[in-house]
């Protein structure tokens, strides 16, 4: 059961990453933010990646009781 819960957690993380990447590439554009758009988009995606990794580790700790 833990394996399937872990797979669901991975699927949720992948789904969240695709959604946040889509938001970043659609709305954080040079037209909207000017020259700093690339840096803002990179920072946004880096923060999202770190948060998703932290949530994944937290979920593993909850599931496996580490």
C-alpha atoms as a PDB file:
ATOM      1  CA  UNK A   1       0.000   0.000   0.000  1.00  0.00           C
ATOM      2  CA  UNK A   2       2.878   2.371   0.763  1.00  0.00           C
ATOM      3  CA  UNK A   3       4.311   1.887  -2.719  1.00  0.00           C
ATOM      4  CA  UNK A   4       1.057   2.940  -4.365  1.00  0.00           C
ATOM      5  CA  UNK A   5       0.789   5.914  -2.031  1.00  0.00           C
ATOM      6  CA  UNK A   6       4.349   6.848  -2.964  1.00  0.00           C
ATOM      7  CA  UNK A   7       3.485   6.577  -6.668  1.00  0.00           C
ATOM      8  CA  UNK A   8       0.464   8.812  -6.081  1.00  0.00           C
ATOM      9  CA  UNK A   9       2.733  11.317  -4.351  1.00  0.00           C
ATOM     10  CA  UNK A  10       5.139  11.269  -7.305  1.00  0.00           C
ATOM     11  CA  UNK A  11       2.236  11.721  -9.729  1.00  0.00           C
ATOM     12  CA  UNK A  12       0.939  14.650  -7.687  1.00  0.00           C
ATOM     13  CA  UNK A  13       4.376  16.262  -7.710  1.00  0.00           C
ATOM     14  CA  UNK A  14       4.726  15.785 -11.476  1.00  0.00           C
ATOM     15  CA  UNK A  15       1.262  17.227 -12.043  1.00  0.00           C
ATOM     16  CA  UNK A  16       2.069  20.223  -9.852  1.00  0.00           C
ATOM     17  CA  UNK A  17       5.368  20.806 -11.675  1.00  0.00           C
ATOM     18  CA  UNK A  18       3.691  20.780 -15.098  1.00  0.00           C
ATOM     19  CA  UNK A  19       1.019  23.180 -13.861  1.00  0.00           C
ATOM     20  CA  UNK A  20       3.469  25.616 -12.298  1.00  0.00           C
ATOM     21  CA  UNK A  21       5.760  25.434 -15.349  1.00  0.00           C
ATOM     22  CA  UNK A  22       2.783  26.282 -17.566  1.00  0.00           C
ATOM     23  CA  UNK A  23       1.881  29.248 -15.377  1.00  0.00           C
ATOM     24  CA  UNK A  24       5.490  30.457 -15.416  1.00  0.00           C
ATOM     25  CA  UNK A  25       5.877  30.221 -19.180  1.00  0.00           C
ATOM     26  CA  UNK A  26       2.451  31.705 -19.942  1.00  0.00           C
ATOM     27  CA  UNK A  27       2.351  34.630 -17.516  1.00  0.00           C
ATOM     28  CA  UNK A  28       5.943  35.485 -16.594  1.00  0.00           C
ATOM     29  CA  UNK A  29       6.926  36.747 -20.039  1.00  0.00           C
ATOM     30  CA  UNK A  30       9.134  39.607 -21.251  1.00  0.00           C
ATOM     31  CA  UNK A  31       5.989  41.360 -22.467  1.00  0.00           C
ATOM     32  CA  UNK A  32       4.554  41.338 -18.945  1.00  0.00           C
ATOM     33  CA  UNK A  33       7.726  41.818 -16.880  1.00  0.00           C
ATOM     34  CA  UNK A  34      10.268  43.376 -19.196  1.00  0.00           C
ATOM     35  CA  UNK A  35      13.934  42.409 -19.236  1.00  0.00           C
ATOM     36  CA  UNK A  36      13.806  40.753 -15.820  1.00  0.00           C
ATOM     37  CA  UNK A  37      11.285  38.126 -16.958  1.00  0.00           C
ATOM     38  CA  UNK A  38      13.857  35.356 -17.402  1.00  0.00           C
ATOM     39  CA  UNK A  39      15.319  35.874 -13.927  1.00  0.00           C
ATOM     40  CA  UNK A  40      11.873  36.082 -12.320  1.00  0.00           C
ATOM     41  CA  UNK A  41      10.707  32.952 -14.156  1.00  0.00           C
ATOM     42  CA  UNK A  42      13.863  31.057 -13.127  1.00  0.00           C
ATOM     43  CA  UNK A  43      13.467  32.123  -9.495  1.00  0.00           C
ATOM     44  CA  UNK A  44       9.772  31.176  -9.523  1.00  0.00           C
ATOM     45  CA  UNK A  45      10.515  27.740 -10.976  1.00  0.00           C
ATOM     46  CA  UNK A  46      13.417  27.184  -8.560  1.00  0.00           C
ATOM     47  CA  UNK A  47      11.229  28.022  -5.559  1.00  0.00           C
ATOM     48  CA  UNK A  48       8.470  25.744  -6.875  1.00  0.00           C
ATOM     49  CA  UNK A  49      10.970  22.920  -7.382  1.00  0.00           C
ATOM     50  CA  UNK A  50      12.403  23.277  -3.878  1.00  0.00           C
ATOM     51  CA  UNK A  51       8.921  23.375  -2.338  1.00  0.00           C
ATOM     52  CA  UNK A  52       7.771  20.324  -4.286  1.00  0.00           C
ATOM     53  CA  UNK A  53      10.890  18.426  -3.232  1.00  0.00           C
ATOM     54  CA  UNK A  54      10.295  19.415   0.405  1.00  0.00           C
ATOM     55  CA  UNK A  55       6.650  18.303   0.193  1.00  0.00           C
ATOM     56  CA  UNK A  56       7.743  15.010  -1.380  1.00  0.00           C
ATOM     57  CA  UNK A  57      10.265  14.348   1.397  1.00  0.00           C
ATOM     58  CA  UNK A  58       7.650  15.286   3.979  1.00  0.00           C
ATOM     59  CA  UNK A  59       5.156  12.891   2.374  1.00  0.00           C
ATOM     60  CA  UNK A  60       7.733  10.076   2.372  1.00  0.00           C
ATOM     61  CA  UNK A  61       8.402  10.703   6.053  1.00  0.00           C
ATOM     62  CA  UNK A  62       4.688  10.501   6.781  1.00  0.00           C
ATOM     63  CA  UNK A  63       4.181   7.357   4.686  1.00  0.00           C
ATOM     64  CA  UNK A  64       7.245   5.438   5.810  1.00  0.00           C
ATOM     65  CA  UNK A  65       7.456   6.794   9.360  1.00  0.00           C
ATOM     66  CA  UNK A  66      11.098   7.814   9.043  1.00  0.00           C
END
